[in-house]
PDB file of all heavy atoms in Angstrom:
ATOM      1  N   ASP A   1      12.823 -16.697  33.648  1.00  0.00           N
ATOM      2  CA  ASP A   1      11.850 -16.567  34.745  1.00  0.00           C
ATOM      3  C   ASP A   1      10.747 -17.621  34.606  1.00  0.00           C
ATOM      4  O   ASP A   1      10.335 -18.226  35.589  1.00  0.00           O
ATOM      5  CB  ASP A   1      11.242 -15.154  34.761  1.00  0.00           C
ATOM      6  CG  ASP A   1      10.342 -14.960  35.959  1.00  0.00           C
ATOM      7  OD1 ASP A   1      10.771 -15.212  37.103  1.00  0.00           O
ATOM      8  OD2 ASP A   1       9.172 -14.566  35.728  1.00  0.00           O
ATOM      9  N   GLU A   2      10.286 -17.882  33.387  1.00  0.00           N
ATOM     10  CA  GLU A   2       9.266 -18.890  33.166  1.00  0.00           C
ATOM     11  C   GLU A   2       9.822 -20.300  33.433  1.00  0.00           C
ATOM     12  O   GLU A   2       9.109 -21.150  33.953  1.00  0.00           O
ATOM     13  CB  GLU A   2       8.729 -18.797  31.741  1.00  0.00           C
ATOM     14  CG  GLU A   2       7.864 -17.579  31.514  1.00  0.00           C
ATOM     15  CD  GLU A   2       7.428 -17.408  30.077  1.00  0.00           C
ATOM     16  OE1 GLU A   2       8.056 -17.980  29.164  1.00  0.00           O
ATOM     17  OE2 GLU A   2       6.437 -16.668  29.880  1.00  0.00           O
ATOM     18  N   VAL A   3      11.071 -20.518  33.111  1.00  0.00           N
ATOM     19  CA  VAL A   3      11.711 -21.823  33.406  1.00  0.00           C
ATOM     20  C   VAL A   3      11.753 -22.019  34.935  1.00  0.00           C
ATOM     21  O   VAL A   3      11.383 -23.078  35.439  1.00  0.00           O
ATOM     22  CB  VAL A   3      13.134 -21.918  32.811  1.00  0.00           C
ATOM     23  CG1 VAL A   3      13.855 -23.167  33.323  1.00  0.00           C
ATOM     24  CG2 VAL A   3      13.087 -21.902  31.290  1.00  0.00           C
ATOM     25  N   GLU A   4      12.186 -20.993  35.643  1.00  0.00           N
ATOM     26  CA  GLU A   4      12.249 -21.087  37.092  1.00  0.00           C
ATOM     27  C   GLU A   4      10.874 -21.320  37.697  1.00  0.00           C
ATOM     28  O   GLU A   4      10.704 -22.136  38.585  1.00  0.00           O
ATOM     29  CB  GLU A   4      12.926 -19.847  37.689  1.00  0.00           C
ATOM     30  CG  GLU A   4      14.392 -19.817  37.426  1.00  0.00           C
ATOM     31  CD  GLU A   4      15.105 -18.694  38.184  1.00  0.00           C
ATOM     32  OE1 GLU A   4      14.452 -17.940  38.953  1.00  0.00           O
ATOM     33  OE2 GLU A   4      16.320 -18.588  38.005  1.00  0.00           O
ATOM     34  N   THR A   5       9.866 -20.605  37.207  1.00  0.00           N
ATOM     35  CA  THR A   5       8.509 -20.800  37.680  1.00  0.00           C
ATOM     36  C   THR A   5       8.043 -22.226  37.428  1.00  0.00           C
ATOM     37  O   THR A   5       7.411 -22.845  38.269  1.00  0.00           O
ATOM     38  CB  THR A   5       7.550 -19.789  37.052  1.00  0.00           C
ATOM     39  OG1 THR A   5       7.973 -18.484  37.385  1.00  0.00           O
ATOM     40  CG2 THR A   5       6.129 -20.010  37.507  1.00  0.00           C
ATOM     41  N   PHE A   6       8.390 -22.734  36.273  1.00  0.00           N
ATOM     42  CA  PHE A   6       8.053 -24.120  35.944  1.00  0.00           C
ATOM     43  C   PHE A   6       8.672 -25.087  36.942  1.00  0.00           C
ATOM     44  O   PHE A   6       8.041 -26.032  37.377  1.00  0.00           O
ATOM     45  CB  PHE A   6       8.542 -24.411  34.503  1.00  0.00           C
ATOM     46  CG  PHE A   6       8.163 -25.770  34.019  1.00  0.00           C
ATOM     47  CD1 PHE A   6       6.910 -25.988  33.467  1.00  0.00           C
ATOM     48  CD2 PHE A   6       9.047 -26.804  34.099  1.00  0.00           C
ATOM     49  CE1 PHE A   6       6.555 -27.246  33.010  1.00  0.00           C
ATOM     50  CE2 PHE A   6       8.687 -28.078  33.651  1.00  0.00           C
ATOM     51  CZ  PHE A   6       7.434 -28.299  33.091  1.00  0.00           C
ATOM     52  N   LEU A   7       9.905 -24.825  37.325  1.00  0.00           N
ATOM     53  CA  LEU A   7      10.663 -25.723  38.245  1.00  0.00           C
ATOM     54  C   LEU A   7      10.124 -25.709  39.667  1.00  0.00           C
ATOM     55  O   LEU A   7      10.078 -26.726  40.334  1.00  0.00           O
ATOM     56  CB  LEU A   7      12.139 -25.370  38.288  1.00  0.00           C
ATOM     57  CG  LEU A   7      12.950 -25.751  37.070  1.00  0.00           C
ATOM     58  CD1 LEU A   7      14.352 -25.201  37.192  1.00  0.00           C
ATOM     59  CD2 LEU A   7      12.974 -27.262  36.920  1.00  0.00           C
ATOM     60  N   HIS A   8       9.768 -24.525  40.193  1.00  0.00           N
ATOM     61  CA  HIS A   8       9.430 -24.434  41.600  1.00  0.00           C
ATOM     62  C   HIS A   8       8.137 -23.689  41.916  1.00  0.00           C
ATOM     63  O   HIS A   8       7.786 -23.527  43.062  1.00  0.00           O
ATOM     64  CB  HIS A   8      10.576 -23.834  42.403  1.00  0.00           C
ATOM     65  CG  HIS A   8      11.044 -22.512  41.879  1.00  0.00           C
ATOM     66  ND1 HIS A   8      10.294 -21.361  41.912  1.00  0.00           N
ATOM     67  CD2 HIS A   8      12.223 -22.180  41.287  1.00  0.00           C
ATOM     68  CE1 HIS A   8      10.975 -20.362  41.375  1.00  0.00           C
ATOM     69  NE2 HIS A   8      12.136 -20.839  40.973  1.00  0.00           N
ATOM     70  N   ASN A   9       7.449 -23.211  40.894  1.00  0.00           N
ATOM     71  CA  ASN A   9       6.176 -22.516  41.081  1.00  0.00           C
ATOM     72  C   ASN A   9       6.256 -21.367  42.093  1.00  0.00           C
ATOM     73  O   ASN A   9       5.384 -21.150  42.903  1.00  0.00           O
ATOM     74  CB  ASN A   9       5.067 -23.508  41.480  1.00  0.00           C
ATOM     75  CG  ASN A   9       3.697 -22.971  41.179  1.00  0.00           C
ATOM     76  OD1 ASN A   9       3.531 -22.126  40.319  1.00  0.00           O
ATOM     77  ND2 ASN A   9       2.714 -23.459  41.910  1.00  0.00           N
ATOM     78  N   ARG A  10       7.395 -20.675  42.068  1.00  0.00           N
ATOM     79  CA  ARG A  10       7.680 -19.482  42.904  1.00  0.00           C
ATOM     80  C   ARG A  10       7.802 -19.792  44.402  1.00  0.00           C
ATOM     81  O   ARG A  10       7.949 -18.913  45.196  1.00  0.00           O
ATOM     82  CB  ARG A  10       6.667 -18.389  42.676  1.00  0.00           C
ATOM     83  CG  ARG A  10       6.643 -17.918  41.238  1.00  0.00           C
ATOM     84  CD  ARG A  10       6.245 -16.468  41.126  1.00  0.00           C
ATOM     85  NE  ARG A  10       6.089 -16.055  39.749  1.00  0.00           N
ATOM     86  CZ  ARG A  10       7.068 -15.711  38.932  1.00  0.00           C
ATOM     87  NH1 ARG A  10       8.306 -15.742  39.362  1.00  0.00           N
ATOM     88  NH2 ARG A  10       6.815 -15.364  37.697  1.00  0.00           N
ATOM     89  N   GLU A  11       7.726 -21.044  44.799  1.00  0.00           N
ATOM     90  CA  GLU A  11       7.965 -21.450  46.180  1.00  0.00           C
ATOM     91  C   GLU A  11       8.767 -22.749  46.164  1.00  0.00           C
ATOM     92  O   GLU A  11       9.958 -22.736  46.267  1.00  0.00           O
ATOM     93  CB  GLU A  11       6.640 -21.626  46.933  1.00  0.00           C
ATOM     94  CG  GLU A  11       5.958 -20.286  47.199  1.00  0.00           C
ATOM     95  CD  GLU A  11       4.675 -20.446  47.998  1.00  0.00           C
ATOM     96  OE1 GLU A  11       4.483 -21.505  48.620  1.00  0.00           O
ATOM     97  OE2 GLU A  11       3.891 -19.501  47.988  1.00  0.00           O
ATOM     98  N   GLU A  12       8.060 -23.870  46.034  1.00  0.00           N
ATOM     99  CA  GLU A  12       8.728 -25.154  45.902  1.00  0.00           C
ATOM    100  C   GLU A  12       7.787 -26.100  45.195  1.00  0.00           C
ATOM    101  O   GLU A  12       6.572 -25.966  45.226  1.00  0.00           O
ATOM    102  CB  GLU A  12       9.182 -25.729  47.237  1.00  0.00           C
ATOM    103  CG  GLU A  12       8.080 -26.144  48.158  1.00  0.00           C
ATOM    104  CD  GLU A  12       8.599 -26.725  49.466  1.00  0.00           C
ATOM    105  OE1 GLU A  12       9.716 -26.383  49.888  1.00  0.00           O
ATOM    106  OE2 GLU A  12       7.866 -27.527  50.062  1.00  0.00           O
ATOM    107  N   LYS A  13       8.384 -27.075  44.530  1.00  0.00           N
ATOM    108  CA  LYS A  13       7.603 -28.062  43.801  1.00  0.00           C
ATOM    109  C   LYS A  13       8.283 -29.429  43.932  1.00  0.00           C
ATOM    110  O   LYS A  13       9.511 -29.506  43.922  1.00  0.00           O
ATOM    111  CB  LYS A  13       7.523 -27.679  42.336  1.00  0.00           C
ATOM    112  CG  LYS A  13       6.553 -28.549  41.534  1.00  0.00           C
ATOM    113  CD  LYS A  13       6.495 -28.123  40.092  1.00  0.00           C
ATOM    114  CE  LYS A  13       5.699 -26.851  39.984  1.00  0.00           C
ATOM    115  NZ  LYS A  13       5.464 -26.442  38.583  1.00  0.00           N
ATOM    116  N   THR A  14       7.442 -30.452  44.056  1.00  0.00           N
ATOM    117  CA  THR A  14       7.954 -31.827  44.167  1.00  0.00           C
ATOM    118  C   THR A  14       7.905 -32.518  42.815  1.00  0.00           C
ATOM    119  O   THR A  14       6.885 -32.456  42.120  1.00  0.00           O
ATOM    120  CB  THR A  14       7.114 -32.631  45.186  1.00  0.00           C
ATOM    121  OG1 THR A  14       7.199 -31.976  46.453  1.00  0.00           O
ATOM    122  CG2 THR A  14       7.625 -34.063  45.311  1.00  0.00           C
ATOM    123  N   TRP A  15       9.022 -33.161  42.450  1.00  0.00           N
ATOM    124  CA  TRP A  15       9.145 -33.892  41.203  1.00  0.00           C
ATOM    125  C   TRP A  15       9.400 -35.363  41.519  1.00  0.00           C
ATOM    126  O   TRP A  15      10.170 -35.677  42.411  1.00  0.00           O
ATOM    127  CB  TRP A  15      10.296 -33.319  40.391  1.00  0.00           C
ATOM    128  CG  TRP A  15      10.042 -31.924  39.925  1.00  0.00           C
ATOM    129  CD1 TRP A  15      10.304 -30.768  40.570  1.00  0.00           C
ATOM    130  CD2 TRP A  15       9.434 -31.560  38.700  1.00  0.00           C
ATOM    131  NE1 TRP A  15       9.899 -29.695  39.849  1.00  0.00           N
ATOM    132  CE2 TRP A  15       9.363 -30.149  38.685  1.00  0.00           C
ATOM    133  CE3 TRP A  15       8.919 -32.270  37.615  1.00  0.00           C
ATOM    134  CZ2 TRP A  15       8.818 -29.457  37.614  1.00  0.00           C
ATOM    135  CZ3 TRP A  15       8.394 -31.572  36.553  1.00  0.00           C
ATOM    136  CH2 TRP A  15       8.337 -30.173  36.557  1.00  0.00           C
ATOM    137  N   SER A  16       8.756 -36.226  40.748  1.00  0.00           N
ATOM    138  CA  SER A  16       8.916 -37.675  40.942  1.00  0.00           C
ATOM    139  C   SER A  16       9.482 -38.307  39.663  1.00  0.00           C
ATOM    140  O   SER A  16       9.105 -37.940  38.545  1.00  0.00           O
ATOM    141  CB  SER A  16       7.546 -38.313  41.211  1.00  0.00           C
ATOM    142  OG  SER A  16       6.973 -37.753  42.367  1.00  0.00           O
ATOM    143  N   ALA A  17      10.388 -39.254  39.860  1.00  0.00           N
ATOM    144  CA  ALA A  17      10.999 -39.960  38.719  1.00  0.00           C
ATOM    145  C   ALA A  17       9.940 -40.761  37.987  1.00  0.00           C
ATOM    146  O   ALA A  17       9.114 -41.427  38.619  1.00  0.00           O
ATOM    147  CB  ALA A  17      12.122 -40.875  39.186  1.00  0.00           C
ATOM    148  N   GLN A  18       9.950 -40.669  36.688  1.00  0.00           N
ATOM    149  CA  GLN A  18       9.026 -41.434  35.858  1.00  0.00           C
ATOM    150  C   GLN A  18       9.789 -42.510  35.091  1.00  0.00           C
ATOM    151  O   GLN A  18       9.380 -43.659  35.044  1.00  0.00           O
ATOM    152  CB  GLN A  18       8.293 -40.512  34.896  1.00  0.00           C
ATOM    153  CG  GLN A  18       7.231 -41.193  34.069  1.00  0.00           C
ATOM    154  CD  GLN A  18       6.471 -40.209  33.202  1.00  0.00           C
ATOM    155  OE1 GLN A  18       7.051 -39.230  32.692  1.00  0.00           O
ATOM    156  NE2 GLN A  18       5.202 -40.459  33.004  1.00  0.00           N
ATOM    157  N   THR A  19      10.927 -42.128  34.486  1.00  0.00           N
ATOM    158  CA  THR A  19      11.811 -43.083  33.825  1.00  0.00           C
ATOM    159  C   THR A  19      13.232 -42.687  34.130  1.00  0.00           C
ATOM    160  O   THR A  19      13.540 -41.522  34.384  1.00  0.00           O
ATOM    161  CB  THR A  19      11.622 -43.109  32.286  1.00  0.00           C
ATOM    162  OG1 THR A  19      11.991 -41.822  31.755  1.00  0.00           O
ATOM    163  CG2 THR A  19      10.202 -43.436  31.905  1.00  0.00           C
ATOM    164  N   PHE A  20      14.124 -43.688  34.125  1.00  0.00           N
ATOM    165  CA  PHE A  20      15.548 -43.412  34.347  1.00  0.00           C
ATOM    166  C   PHE A  20      16.351 -44.549  33.710  1.00  0.00           C
ATOM    167  O   PHE A  20      16.099 -45.706  34.022  1.00  0.00           O
ATOM    168  CB  PHE A  20      15.868 -43.337  35.839  1.00  0.00           C
ATOM    169  CG  PHE A  20      17.276 -42.906  36.119  1.00  0.00           C
ATOM    170  CD1 PHE A  20      17.603 -41.581  36.218  1.00  0.00           C
ATOM    171  CD2 PHE A  20      18.282 -43.847  36.252  1.00  0.00           C
ATOM    172  CE1 PHE A  20      18.896 -41.171  36.457  1.00  0.00           C
ATOM    173  CE2 PHE A  20      19.597 -43.445  36.469  1.00  0.00           C
ATOM    174  CZ  PHE A  20      19.895 -42.109  36.587  1.00  0.00           C
ATOM    175  N   THR A  21      17.279 -44.206  32.830  1.00  0.00           N
ATOM    176  CA  THR A  21      18.121 -45.225  32.211  1.00  0.00           C
ATOM    177  C   THR A  21      19.581 -44.795  32.217  1.00  0.00           C
ATOM    178  O   THR A  21      19.889 -43.616  32.064  1.00  0.00           O
ATOM    179  CB  THR A  21      17.685 -45.524  30.759  1.00  0.00           C
ATOM    180  OG1 THR A  21      17.778 -44.315  29.993  1.00  0.00           O
ATOM    181  CG2 THR A  21      16.280 -46.067  30.686  1.00  0.00           C
ATOM    182  N   LEU A  22      20.442 -45.739  32.444  1.00  0.00           N
ATOM    183  CA  LEU A  22      21.879 -45.551  32.357  1.00  0.00           C
ATOM    184  C   LEU A  22      22.347 -46.541  31.319  1.00  0.00           C
ATOM    185  O   LEU A  22      22.188 -47.761  31.486  1.00  0.00           O
ATOM    186  CB  LEU A  22      22.538 -45.812  33.705  1.00  0.00           C
ATOM    187  CG  LEU A  22      24.070 -45.737  33.772  1.00  0.00           C
ATOM    188  CD1 LEU A  22      24.568 -44.359  33.355  1.00  0.00           C
ATOM    189  CD2 LEU A  22      24.566 -46.070  35.160  1.00  0.00           C
ATOM    190  N   ALA A  23      22.886 -46.056  30.207  1.00  0.00           N
ATOM    191  CA  ALA A  23      23.275 -46.902  29.073  1.00  0.00           C
ATOM    192  C   ALA A  23      24.062 -48.112  29.544  1.00  0.00           C
ATOM    193  O   ALA A  23      24.955 -47.995  30.386  1.00  0.00           O
ATOM    194  CB  ALA A  23      24.078 -46.083  28.083  1.00  0.00           C
ATOM    195  N   THR A  24      23.726 -49.242  29.030  1.00  0.00           N
ATOM    196  CA  THR A  24      24.377 -50.552  29.229  1.00  0.00           C
ATOM    197  C   THR A  24      24.166 -51.167  30.607  1.00  0.00           C
ATOM    198  O   THR A  24      24.619 -52.279  30.841  1.00  0.00           O
ATOM    199  CB  THR A  24      25.890 -50.524  28.950  1.00  0.00           C
ATOM    200  OG1 THR A  24      26.571 -49.817  29.988  1.00  0.00           O
ATOM    201  CG2 THR A  24      26.231 -49.923  27.596  1.00  0.00           C
ATOM    202  N   LEU A  25      23.457 -50.517  31.501  1.00  0.00           N
ATOM    203  CA  LEU A  25      23.225 -51.102  32.813  1.00  0.00           C
ATOM    204  C   LEU A  25      21.740 -51.387  33.011  1.00  0.00           C
ATOM    205  O   LEU A  25      21.011 -50.569  33.579  1.00  0.00           O
ATOM    206  CB  LEU A  25      23.738 -50.176  33.916  1.00  0.00           C
ATOM    207  CG  LEU A  25      25.249 -49.943  33.952  1.00  0.00           C
ATOM    208  CD1 LEU A  25      25.599 -48.977  35.061  1.00  0.00           C
ATOM    209  CD2 LEU A  25      25.988 -51.264  34.131  1.00  0.00           C
ATOM    210  N   GLU A  26      21.298 -52.531  32.568  1.00  0.00           N
ATOM    211  CA  GLU A  26      19.887 -52.885  32.699  1.00  0.00           C
ATOM    212  C   GLU A  26      19.556 -53.119  34.158  1.00  0.00           C
ATOM    213  O   GLU A  26      20.336 -53.626  34.916  1.00  0.00           O
ATOM    214  CB  GLU A  26      19.594 -54.138  31.879  1.00  0.00           C
ATOM    215  CG  GLU A  26      19.711 -53.916  30.381  1.00  0.00           C
ATOM    216  CD  GLU A  26      19.313 -55.130  29.598  1.00  0.00           C
ATOM    217  OE1 GLU A  26      18.431 -55.895  30.067  1.00  0.00           O
ATOM    218  OE2 GLU A  26      19.889 -55.300  28.520  1.00  0.00           O
ATOM    219  N   GLY A  27      18.342 -52.718  34.521  1.00  0.00           N
ATOM    220  CA  GLY A  27      17.863 -52.912  35.900  1.00  0.00           C
ATOM    221  C   GLY A  27      18.266 -51.805  36.845  1.00  0.00           C
ATOM    222  O   GLY A  27      17.668 -51.653  37.889  1.00  0.00           O
ATOM    223  N   PHE A  28      19.270 -51.032  36.490  1.00  0.00           N
ATOM    224  CA  PHE A  28      19.704 -49.935  37.356  1.00  0.00           C
ATOM    225  C   PHE A  28      18.600 -48.941  37.614  1.00  0.00           C
ATOM    226  O   PHE A  28      18.426 -48.439  38.708  1.00  0.00           O
ATOM    227  CB  PHE A  28      20.905 -49.230  36.753  1.00  0.00           C
ATOM    228  CG  PHE A  28      21.333 -48.018  37.516  1.00  0.00           C
ATOM    229  CD1 PHE A  28      22.053 -48.141  38.685  1.00  0.00           C
ATOM    230  CD2 PHE A  28      20.998 -46.748  37.088  1.00  0.00           C
ATOM    231  CE1 PHE A  28      22.434 -47.026  39.423  1.00  0.00           C
ATOM    232  CE2 PHE A  28      21.369 -45.628  37.807  1.00  0.00           C
ATOM    233  CZ  PHE A  28      22.090 -45.781  38.976  1.00  0.00           C
ATOM    234  N   GLN A  29      17.818 -48.678  36.578  1.00  0.00           N
ATOM    235  CA  GLN A  29      16.762 -47.650  36.690  1.00  0.00           C
ATOM    236  C   GLN A  29      15.706 -47.991  37.724  1.00  0.00           C
ATOM    237  O   GLN A  29      15.070 -47.109  38.262  1.00  0.00           O
ATOM    238  CB  GLN A  29      16.128 -47.389  35.323  1.00  0.00           C
ATOM    239  CG  GLN A  29      15.346 -48.544  34.740  1.00  0.00           C
ATOM    240  CD  GLN A  29      16.206 -49.538  33.974  1.00  0.00           C
ATOM    241  OE1 GLN A  29      17.424 -49.479  33.991  1.00  0.00           O
ATOM    242  NE2 GLN A  29      15.572 -50.447  33.295  1.00  0.00           N
ATOM    243  N   ASN A  30      15.493 -49.230  38.053  1.00  0.00           N
ATOM    244  CA  ASN A  30      14.447 -49.594  39.007  1.00  0.00           C
ATOM    245  C   ASN A  30      14.621 -48.941  40.365  1.00  0.00           C
ATOM    246  O   ASN A  30      13.650 -48.552  41.002  1.00  0.00           O
ATOM    247  CB  ASN A  30      14.349 -51.106  39.154  1.00  0.00           C
ATOM    248  CG  ASN A  30      13.847 -51.753  37.889  1.00  0.00           C
ATOM    249  OD1 ASN A  30      13.119 -51.151  37.113  1.00  0.00           O
ATOM    250  ND2 ASN A  30      14.269 -52.991  37.640  1.00  0.00           N
ATOM    251  N   CYS A  31      15.842 -48.793  40.822  1.00  0.00           N
ATOM    252  CA  CYS A  31      16.063 -48.166  42.117  1.00  0.00           C
ATOM    253  C   CYS A  31      15.902 -46.657  42.073  1.00  0.00           C
ATOM    254  O   CYS A  31      15.889 -46.004  43.109  1.00  0.00           O
ATOM    255  CB  CYS A  31      17.440 -48.534  42.663  1.00  0.00           C
ATOM    256  SG  CYS A  31      18.824 -47.951  41.689  1.00  0.00           S
ATOM    257  N   ARG A  32      15.745 -46.064  40.900  1.00  0.00           N
ATOM    258  CA  ARG A  32      15.547 -44.623  40.761  1.00  0.00           C
ATOM    259  C   ARG A  32      14.052 -44.228  40.649  1.00  0.00           C
ATOM    260  O   ARG A  32      13.699 -43.082  40.794  1.00  0.00           O
ATOM    261  CB  ARG A  32      16.245 -44.086  39.506  1.00  0.00           C
ATOM    262  CG  ARG A  32      17.739 -44.135  39.594  1.00  0.00           C
ATOM    263  CD  ARG A  32      18.227 -43.019  40.483  1.00  0.00           C
ATOM    264  NE  ARG A  32      19.650 -43.178  40.690  1.00  0.00           N
ATOM    265  CZ  ARG A  32      20.249 -43.057  41.869  1.00  0.00           C
ATOM    266  NH1 ARG A  32      19.542 -42.785  42.938  1.00  0.00           N
ATOM    267  NH2 ARG A  32      21.519 -43.213  41.983  1.00  0.00           N
ATOM    268  N   LEU A  33      13.205 -45.212  40.388  1.00  0.00           N
ATOM    269  CA  LEU A  33      11.796 -44.897  40.087  1.00  0.00           C
ATOM    270  C   LEU A  33      10.974 -44.474  41.301  1.00  0.00           C
ATOM    271  O   LEU A  33       9.858 -43.979  41.140  1.00  0.00           O
ATOM    272  CB  LEU A  33      11.146 -46.067  39.359  1.00  0.00           C
ATOM    273  CG  LEU A  33      11.801 -46.387  38.006  1.00  0.00           C
ATOM    274  CD1 LEU A  33      11.065 -47.553  37.342  1.00  0.00           C
ATOM    275  CD2 LEU A  33      11.810 -45.167  37.100  1.00  0.00           C
ATOM    276  N   ASP A  34      11.530 -44.610  42.517  1.00  0.00           N
ATOM    277  CA  ASP A  34      10.828 -44.118  43.684  1.00  0.00           C
ATOM    278  C   ASP A  34      11.482 -42.848  44.244  1.00  0.00           C
ATOM    279  O   ASP A  34      11.156 -42.391  45.331  1.00  0.00           O
ATOM    280  CB  ASP A  34      10.732 -45.185  44.785  1.00  0.00           C
ATOM    281  CG  ASP A  34      12.082 -45.623  45.336  1.00  0.00           C
ATOM    282  OD1 ASP A  34      13.132 -45.239  44.752  1.00  0.00           O
ATOM    283  OD2 ASP A  34      12.088 -46.333  46.356  1.00  0.00           O
ATOM    284  N   ASP A  35      12.364 -42.235  43.467  1.00  0.00           N
ATOM    285  CA  ASP A  35      13.063 -41.020  43.880  1.00  0.00           C
ATOM    286  C   ASP A  35      12.169 -39.790  43.690  1.00  0.00           C
ATOM    287  O   ASP A  35      11.385 -39.715  42.748  1.00  0.00           O
ATOM    288  CB  ASP A  35      14.316 -40.795  43.046  1.00  0.00           C
ATOM    289  CG  ASP A  35      15.383 -41.869  43.280  1.00  0.00           C
ATOM    290  OD1 ASP A  35      15.104 -42.844  44.015  1.00  0.00           O
ATOM    291  OD2 ASP A  35      16.473 -41.741  42.700  1.00  0.00           O
ATOM    292  N   THR A  36      12.304 -38.844  44.616  1.00  0.00           N
ATOM    293  CA  THR A  36      11.601 -37.563  44.487  1.00  0.00           C
ATOM    294  C   THR A  36      12.569 -36.420  44.807  1.00  0.00           C
ATOM    295  O   THR A  36      13.564 -36.642  45.497  1.00  0.00           O
ATOM    296  CB  THR A  36      10.383 -37.443  45.445  1.00  0.00           C
ATOM    297  OG1 THR A  36      10.827 -37.571  46.781  1.00  0.00           O
ATOM    298  CG2 THR A  36       9.325 -38.510  45.130  1.00  0.00           C
ATOM    299  N   MET A  37      12.238 -35.259  44.313  1.00  0.00           N
ATOM    300  CA  MET A  37      13.063 -34.097  44.598  1.00  0.00           C
ATOM    301  C   MET A  37      12.150 -32.886  44.760  1.00  0.00           C
ATOM    302  O   MET A  37      11.236 -32.693  43.993  1.00  0.00           O
ATOM    303  CB  MET A  37      14.059 -33.828  43.461  1.00  0.00           C
ATOM    304  CG  MET A  37      14.912 -32.601  43.704  1.00  0.00           C
ATOM    305  SD  MET A  37      16.066 -32.294  42.369  1.00  0.00           S
ATOM    306  CE  MET A  37      17.442 -33.233  42.930  1.00  0.00           C
ATOM    307  N   ILE A  38      12.444 -32.113  45.795  1.00  0.00           N
ATOM    308  CA  ILE A  38      11.732 -30.846  46.008  1.00  0.00           C
ATOM    309  C   ILE A  38      12.673 -29.732  45.568  1.00  0.00           C
ATOM    310  O   ILE A  38      13.781 -29.606  46.118  1.00  0.00           O
ATOM    311  CB  ILE A  38      11.327 -30.674  47.482  1.00  0.00           C
ATOM    312  CG1 ILE A  38      10.354 -31.785  47.903  1.00  0.00           C
ATOM    313  CG2 ILE A  38      10.697 -29.287  47.676  1.00  0.00           C
ATOM    314  CD1 ILE A  38      10.070 -31.806  49.395  1.00  0.00           C
ATOM    315  N   ILE A  39      12.249 -28.941  44.603  1.00  0.00           N
ATOM    316  CA  ILE A  39      13.021 -27.818  44.121  1.00  0.00           C
ATOM    317  C   ILE A  39      12.423 -26.563  44.716  1.00  0.00           C
ATOM    318  O   ILE A  39      11.214 -26.300  44.617  1.00  0.00           O
ATOM    319  CB  ILE A  39      12.960 -27.714  42.569  1.00  0.00           C
ATOM    320  CG1 ILE A  39      13.528 -28.992  41.947  1.00  0.00           C
ATOM    321  CG2 ILE A  39      13.694 -26.466  42.087  1.00  0.00           C
ATOM    322  CD1 ILE A  39      14.982 -29.243  42.191  1.00  0.00           C
ATOM    323  N   SER A  40      13.262 -25.768  45.381  1.00  0.00           N
ATOM    324  CA  SER A  40      12.797 -24.540  46.036  1.00  0.00           C
ATOM    325  C   SER A  40      13.252 -23.307  45.286  1.00  0.00           C
ATOM    326  O   SER A  40      14.322 -23.297  44.648  1.00  0.00           O
ATOM    327  CB  SER A  40      13.304 -24.496  47.453  1.00  0.00           C
ATOM    328  OG  SER A  40      12.792 -25.582  48.198  1.00  0.00           O
TER     329      SER A  40
END
């Protein structure tokens, strides 16, 4: 229940990418750094 509350704060919460890496593919992460997700 606490994990779920952390994820969506009992309604919805917006998360923004801070870092993203895919092993052996340099530069790939740059296109992920402006991604956001709303968890409901």
